[in-house]
Protein backbone atom coordinates (compact mmCIF):
# COMPACT_ATOMS: atom_id res chain seq x y z
CA UNK A 1 0.00 0.00 0.00
CA UNK A 2 1.22 3.51 -0.77
CA UNK A 3 0.78 6.59 1.33
CA UNK A 4 -1.84 8.98 0.02
CA UNK A 5 -0.18 12.35 0.74
CA UNK A 6 -3.41 14.36 0.58
CA UNK A 7 -5.03 12.03 3.09
CA UNK A 8 -2.04 12.53 5.41
CA UNK A 9 -2.28 16.31 5.13
CA UNK A 10 -6.05 16.35 5.68
CA UNK A 11 -5.88 14.12 8.76
CA UNK A 12 -2.99 16.13 10.22
CA UNK A 13 -5.04 19.27 9.66
CA UNK A 14 -7.92 17.81 11.69
CA UNK A 15 -5.64 16.67 14.49
CA UNK A 16 -3.87 20.05 14.62
CA UNK A 17 -7.25 21.74 15.28
CA UNK A 18 -7.88 19.69 18.43
CA UNK A 19 -7.90 21.61 21.71
CA UNK A 20 -5.30 20.41 24.21
CA UNK A 21 -6.31 17.14 25.83
CA UNK A 22 -9.01 16.26 23.29
CA UNK A 23 -9.09 13.21 21.06
CA UNK A 24 -10.61 12.49 17.68
CA UNK A 25 -12.38 9.12 17.47
CA UNK A 26 -14.07 9.66 14.12
CA UNK A 27 -12.96 11.71 11.17
CA UNK A 28 -15.22 14.32 9.58
CA UNK A 29 -17.45 13.22 6.72
CA UNK A 30 -15.43 15.37 4.29
CA UNK A 31 -12.45 13.07 4.90
CA UNK A 32 -14.33 9.76 5.03
CA UNK A 33 -16.15 10.63 1.80
CA UNK A 34 -12.97 11.76 0.06
CA UNK A 35 -10.67 8.81 0.86
CA UNK A 36 -11.05 5.05 0.93
CA UNK A 37 -11.18 3.21 4.24
CA UNK A 38 -7.84 1.57 3.33
CA UNK A 39 -6.20 4.95 2.69
CA UNK A 40 -7.48 6.32 5.99
CA UNK A 41 -6.43 3.27 8.02
CA UNK A 42 -3.00 3.15 6.41
CA UNK A 43 -2.50 6.88 6.96
CA UNK A 44 -3.46 6.58 10.63
CA UNK A 45 -0.92 3.74 10.98
CA UNK A 46 1.76 5.94 9.38
CA UNK A 47 0.89 8.82 11.71
CA UNK A 48 1.39 6.47 14.64
CA UNK A 49 4.60 4.86 13.33
CA UNK A 50 6.15 8.22 12.43
CA UNK A 51 5.06 9.61 15.83
CA UNK A 52 3.30 12.58 14.24
CA UNK A 53 0.51 12.47 16.84
CA UNK A 54 -0.52 10.59 19.94
CA UNK A 55 -2.47 7.64 18.55
CA UNK A 56 -4.24 4.66 20.09
CA UNK A 57 -5.16 1.81 17.75
CA UNK A 58 -7.37 -1.17 18.56
CA UNK A 59 -7.26 -4.09 16.13
CA UNK A 60 -9.66 -6.98 15.70
CA UNK A 61 -9.19 -9.76 13.12
CA UNK A 62 -6.44 -7.80 11.36
CA UNK A 63 -8.78 -4.85 10.90
CA UNK A 64 -8.56 -1.47 12.59
CA UNK A 65 -11.59 -1.66 14.87
CA UNK A 66 -11.14 1.67 16.66
CA UNK A 67 -8.71 4.53 16.81
CA UNK A 68 -8.17 7.62 18.87
CA UNK A 69 -6.11 10.51 17.54
CA UNK A 70 -4.72 12.98 20.06
CA UNK A 71 -2.49 16.01 19.97
CA UNK A 72 0.12 16.33 17.27
CA UNK A 73 3.65 15.79 18.49
CA UNK A 74 6.42 18.31 17.90
CA UNK A 75 7.42 16.34 14.80
CA UNK A 76 3.83 16.34 13.57
CA UNK A 77 3.46 20.06 14.17
CA UNK A 78 6.71 20.81 12.35
CA UNK A 79 5.60 18.74 9.36
CA UNK A 80 2.12 20.23 9.26
CA UNK A 81 3.42 23.79 9.52
CA UNK A 82 5.60 23.13 6.45
CA UNK A 83 2.79 21.68 4.32
CA UNK A 84 -0.12 23.81 5.53
CA UNK A 85 0.21 26.32 2.70
CA UNK A 86 -1.47 25.17 -0.52
CA UNK A 87 1.35 26.77 -2.51
CA UNK A 88 4.06 24.81 -0.72
CA UNK A 89 1.96 21.64 -0.66
CA UNK A 90 1.36 21.65 -4.41
CA UNK A 91 5.07 22.22 -5.05
CA UNK A 92 5.97 19.36 -2.68
CA UNK A 93 3.69 16.95 -4.52
CA UNK A 94 4.93 18.11 -7.93
CA UNK A 95 8.57 17.73 -6.86
CA UNK A 96 8.12 14.22 -5.49
CA UNK A 97 6.13 13.11 -8.53
CA UNK A 98 8.79 14.58 -10.84
CA UNK A 99 11.44 12.26 -9.42
CA UNK A 100 9.12 9.26 -9.77
CA UNK A 101 9.22 8.31 -6.13
CA UNK A 102 6.47 7.02 -3.86
CA UNK A 103 5.43 9.40 -1.11
CA UNK A 104 6.84 8.92 2.38
CA UNK A 105 6.76 11.15 5.43
CA UNK A 106 10.54 11.60 5.26
CA UNK A 107 10.48 12.57 1.59
CA UNK A 108 7.63 15.03 2.23
CA UNK A 109 9.63 16.62 5.08
CA UNK A 110 12.74 16.96 2.91
CA UNK A 111 10.89 18.33 -0.11
CA UNK A 112 8.88 20.80 1.99
CA UNK A 113 12.02 22.02 3.76
CA UNK A 114 13.86 22.50 0.46
CA UNK A 115 10.93 24.35 -1.11
CA UNK A 116 10.50 26.64 1.88
CA UNK A 117 14.25 27.33 2.00
CA UNK A 118 14.13 28.25 -1.68
CA UNK A 119 11.30 30.70 -0.99
CA UNK A 120 13.16 32.53 1.78
C-alpha atoms as a PDB file:
ATOM      1  CA  UNK A   1       0.000   0.000   0.000  1.00  0.00           C
ATOM      2  CA  UNK A   2       1.224   3.507  -0.774  1.00  0.00           C
ATOM      3  CA  UNK A   3       0.779   6.585   1.331  1.00  0.00           C
ATOM      4  CA  UNK A   4      -1.843   8.984   0.023  1.00  0.00           C
ATOM      5  CA  UNK A   5      -0.184  12.347   0.735  1.00  0.00           C
ATOM      6  CA  UNK A   6      -3.410  14.364   0.577  1.00  0.00           C
ATOM      7  CA  UNK A   7      -5.030  12.033   3.091  1.00  0.00           C
ATOM      8  CA  UNK A   8      -2.043  12.527   5.408  1.00  0.00           C
ATOM      9  CA  UNK A   9      -2.280  16.307   5.126  1.00  0.00           C
ATOM     10  CA  UNK A  10      -6.049  16.353   5.678  1.00  0.00           C
ATOM     11  CA  UNK A  11      -5.885  14.117   8.758  1.00  0.00           C
ATOM     12  CA  UNK A  12      -2.988  16.131  10.222  1.00  0.00           C
ATOM     13  CA  UNK A  13      -5.044  19.267   9.657  1.00  0.00           C
ATOM     14  CA  UNK A  14      -7.920  17.810  11.692  1.00  0.00           C
ATOM     15  CA  UNK A  15      -5.639  16.668  14.494  1.00  0.00           C
ATOM     16  CA  UNK A  16      -3.871  20.048  14.615  1.00  0.00           C
ATOM     17  CA  UNK A  17      -7.246  21.740  15.276  1.00  0.00           C
ATOM     18  CA  UNK A  18      -7.877  19.690  18.430  1.00  0.00           C
ATOM     19  CA  UNK A  19      -7.900  21.608  21.712  1.00  0.00           C
ATOM     20  CA  UNK A  20      -5.296  20.407  24.210  1.00  0.00           C
ATOM     21  CA  UNK A  21      -6.313  17.138  25.829  1.00  0.00           C
ATOM     22  CA  UNK A  22      -9.007  16.261  23.292  1.00  0.00           C
ATOM     23  CA  UNK A  23      -9.093  13.208  21.064  1.00  0.00           C
ATOM     24  CA  UNK A  24     -10.606  12.489  17.678  1.00  0.00           C
ATOM     25  CA  UNK A  25     -12.381   9.118  17.469  1.00  0.00           C
ATOM     26  CA  UNK A  26     -14.069   9.663  14.121  1.00  0.00           C
ATOM     27  CA  UNK A  27     -12.955  11.706  11.167  1.00  0.00           C
ATOM     28  CA  UNK A  28     -15.217  14.315   9.576  1.00  0.00           C
ATOM     29  CA  UNK A  29     -17.450  13.220   6.718  1.00  0.00           C
ATOM     30  CA  UNK A  30     -15.426  15.371   4.293  1.00  0.00           C
ATOM     31  CA  UNK A  31     -12.452  13.073   4.898  1.00  0.00           C
ATOM     32  CA  UNK A  32     -14.331   9.758   5.033  1.00  0.00           C
ATOM     33  CA  UNK A  33     -16.150  10.626   1.797  1.00  0.00           C
ATOM     34  CA  UNK A  34     -12.969  11.759   0.064  1.00  0.00           C
ATOM     35  CA  UNK A  35     -10.666   8.811   0.865  1.00  0.00           C
ATOM     36  CA  UNK A  36     -11.052   5.054   0.928  1.00  0.00           C
ATOM     37  CA  UNK A  37     -11.177   3.211   4.238  1.00  0.00           C
ATOM     38  CA  UNK A  38      -7.842   1.570   3.328  1.00  0.00           C
ATOM     39  CA  UNK A  39      -6.196   4.949   2.688  1.00  0.00           C
ATOM     40  CA  UNK A  40      -7.483   6.317   5.993  1.00  0.00           C
ATOM     41  CA  UNK A  41      -6.430   3.273   8.022  1.00  0.00           C
ATOM     42  CA  UNK A  42      -2.996   3.152   6.411  1.00  0.00           C
ATOM     43  CA  UNK A  43      -2.501   6.880   6.956  1.00  0.00           C
ATOM     44  CA  UNK A  44      -3.456   6.584  10.628  1.00  0.00           C
ATOM     45  CA  UNK A  45      -0.919   3.744  10.979  1.00  0.00           C
ATOM     46  CA  UNK A  46       1.758   5.935   9.380  1.00  0.00           C
ATOM     47  CA  UNK A  47       0.890   8.824  11.705  1.00  0.00           C
ATOM     48  CA  UNK A  48       1.389   6.468  14.645  1.00  0.00           C
ATOM     49  CA  UNK A  49       4.598   4.857  13.333  1.00  0.00           C
ATOM     50  CA  UNK A  50       6.147   8.215  12.432  1.00  0.00           C
ATOM     51  CA  UNK A  51       5.056   9.612  15.831  1.00  0.00           C
ATOM     52  CA  UNK A  52       3.299  12.584  14.235  1.00  0.00           C
ATOM     53  CA  UNK A  53       0.511  12.471  16.836  1.00  0.00           C
ATOM     54  CA  UNK A  54      -0.523  10.591  19.935  1.00  0.00           C
ATOM     55  CA  UNK A  55      -2.472   7.640  18.549  1.00  0.00           C
ATOM     56  CA  UNK A  56      -4.238   4.665  20.089  1.00  0.00           C
ATOM     57  CA  UNK A  57      -5.158   1.811  17.754  1.00  0.00           C
ATOM     58  CA  UNK A  58      -7.371  -1.174  18.556  1.00  0.00           C
ATOM     59  CA  UNK A  59      -7.256  -4.085  16.132  1.00  0.00           C
ATOM     60  CA  UNK A  60      -9.659  -6.983  15.697  1.00  0.00           C
ATOM     61  CA  UNK A  61      -9.188  -9.763  13.123  1.00  0.00           C
ATOM     62  CA  UNK A  62      -6.435  -7.803  11.358  1.00  0.00           C
ATOM     63  CA  UNK A  63      -8.779  -4.849  10.903  1.00  0.00           C
ATOM     64  CA  UNK A  64      -8.561  -1.473  12.586  1.00  0.00           C
ATOM     65  CA  UNK A  65     -11.587  -1.663  14.874  1.00  0.00           C
ATOM     66  CA  UNK A  66     -11.140   1.674  16.659  1.00  0.00           C
ATOM     67  CA  UNK A  67      -8.711   4.528  16.810  1.00  0.00           C
ATOM     68  CA  UNK A  68      -8.173   7.616  18.871  1.00  0.00           C
ATOM     69  CA  UNK A  69      -6.107  10.507  17.537  1.00  0.00           C
ATOM     70  CA  UNK A  70      -4.722  12.976  20.056  1.00  0.00           C
ATOM     71  CA  UNK A  71      -2.489  16.011  19.972  1.00  0.00           C
ATOM     72  CA  UNK A  72       0.123  16.330  17.274  1.00  0.00           C
ATOM     73  CA  UNK A  73       3.654  15.791  18.490  1.00  0.00           C
ATOM     74  CA  UNK A  74       6.425  18.307  17.899  1.00  0.00           C
ATOM     75  CA  UNK A  75       7.424  16.339  14.797  1.00  0.00           C
ATOM     76  CA  UNK A  76       3.830  16.340  13.570  1.00  0.00           C
ATOM     77  CA  UNK A  77       3.459  20.059  14.168  1.00  0.00           C
ATOM     78  CA  UNK A  78       6.709  20.806  12.351  1.00  0.00           C
ATOM     79  CA  UNK A  79       5.604  18.743   9.359  1.00  0.00           C
ATOM     80  CA  UNK A  80       2.119  20.231   9.262  1.00  0.00           C
ATOM     81  CA  UNK A  81       3.424  23.792   9.519  1.00  0.00           C
ATOM     82  CA  UNK A  82       5.597  23.135   6.453  1.00  0.00           C
ATOM     83  CA  UNK A  83       2.790  21.679   4.315  1.00  0.00           C
ATOM     84  CA  UNK A  84      -0.123  23.809   5.535  1.00  0.00           C
ATOM     85  CA  UNK A  85       0.214  26.325   2.696  1.00  0.00           C
ATOM     86  CA  UNK A  86      -1.468  25.174  -0.517  1.00  0.00           C
ATOM     87  CA  UNK A  87       1.347  26.772  -2.508  1.00  0.00           C
ATOM     88  CA  UNK A  88       4.058  24.811  -0.725  1.00  0.00           C
ATOM     89  CA  UNK A  89       1.955  21.638  -0.662  1.00  0.00           C
ATOM     90  CA  UNK A  90       1.364  21.648  -4.414  1.00  0.00           C
ATOM     91  CA  UNK A  91       5.072  22.219  -5.046  1.00  0.00           C
ATOM     92  CA  UNK A  92       5.971  19.364  -2.680  1.00  0.00           C
ATOM     93  CA  UNK A  93       3.689  16.948  -4.516  1.00  0.00           C
ATOM     94  CA  UNK A  94       4.929  18.107  -7.931  1.00  0.00           C
ATOM     95  CA  UNK A  95       8.568  17.730  -6.861  1.00  0.00           C
ATOM     96  CA  UNK A  96       8.118  14.219  -5.488  1.00  0.00           C
ATOM     97  CA  UNK A  97       6.130  13.114  -8.532  1.00  0.00           C
ATOM     98  CA  UNK A  98       8.788  14.577 -10.843  1.00  0.00           C
ATOM     99  CA  UNK A  99      11.440  12.262  -9.419  1.00  0.00           C
ATOM    100  CA  UNK A 100       9.124   9.260  -9.774  1.00  0.00           C
ATOM    101  CA  UNK A 101       9.220   8.306  -6.128  1.00  0.00           C
ATOM    102  CA  UNK A 102       6.474   7.018  -3.865  1.00  0.00           C
ATOM    103  CA  UNK A 103       5.427   9.401  -1.111  1.00  0.00           C
ATOM    104  CA  UNK A 104       6.840   8.924   2.378  1.00  0.00           C
ATOM    105  CA  UNK A 105       6.762  11.153   5.434  1.00  0.00           C
ATOM    106  CA  UNK A 106      10.536  11.598   5.260  1.00  0.00           C
ATOM    107  CA  UNK A 107      10.479  12.571   1.593  1.00  0.00           C
ATOM    108  CA  UNK A 108       7.629  15.027   2.233  1.00  0.00           C
ATOM    109  CA  UNK A 109       9.629  16.616   5.077  1.00  0.00           C
ATOM    110  CA  UNK A 110      12.741  16.964   2.912  1.00  0.00           C
ATOM    111  CA  UNK A 111      10.889  18.335  -0.115  1.00  0.00           C
ATOM    112  CA  UNK A 112       8.879  20.801   1.987  1.00  0.00           C
ATOM    113  CA  UNK A 113      12.022  22.017   3.757  1.00  0.00           C
ATOM    114  CA  UNK A 114      13.862  22.495   0.461  1.00  0.00           C
ATOM    115  CA  UNK A 115      10.929  24.346  -1.113  1.00  0.00           C
ATOM    116  CA  UNK A 116      10.500  26.637   1.876  1.00  0.00           C
ATOM    117  CA  UNK A 117      14.251  27.334   2.004  1.00  0.00           C
ATOM    118  CA  UNK A 118      14.133  28.250  -1.683  1.00  0.00           C
ATOM    119  CA  UNK A 119      11.300  30.697  -0.994  1.00  0.00           C
ATOM    120  CA  UNK A 120      13.162  32.526   1.777  1.00  0.00           C
END
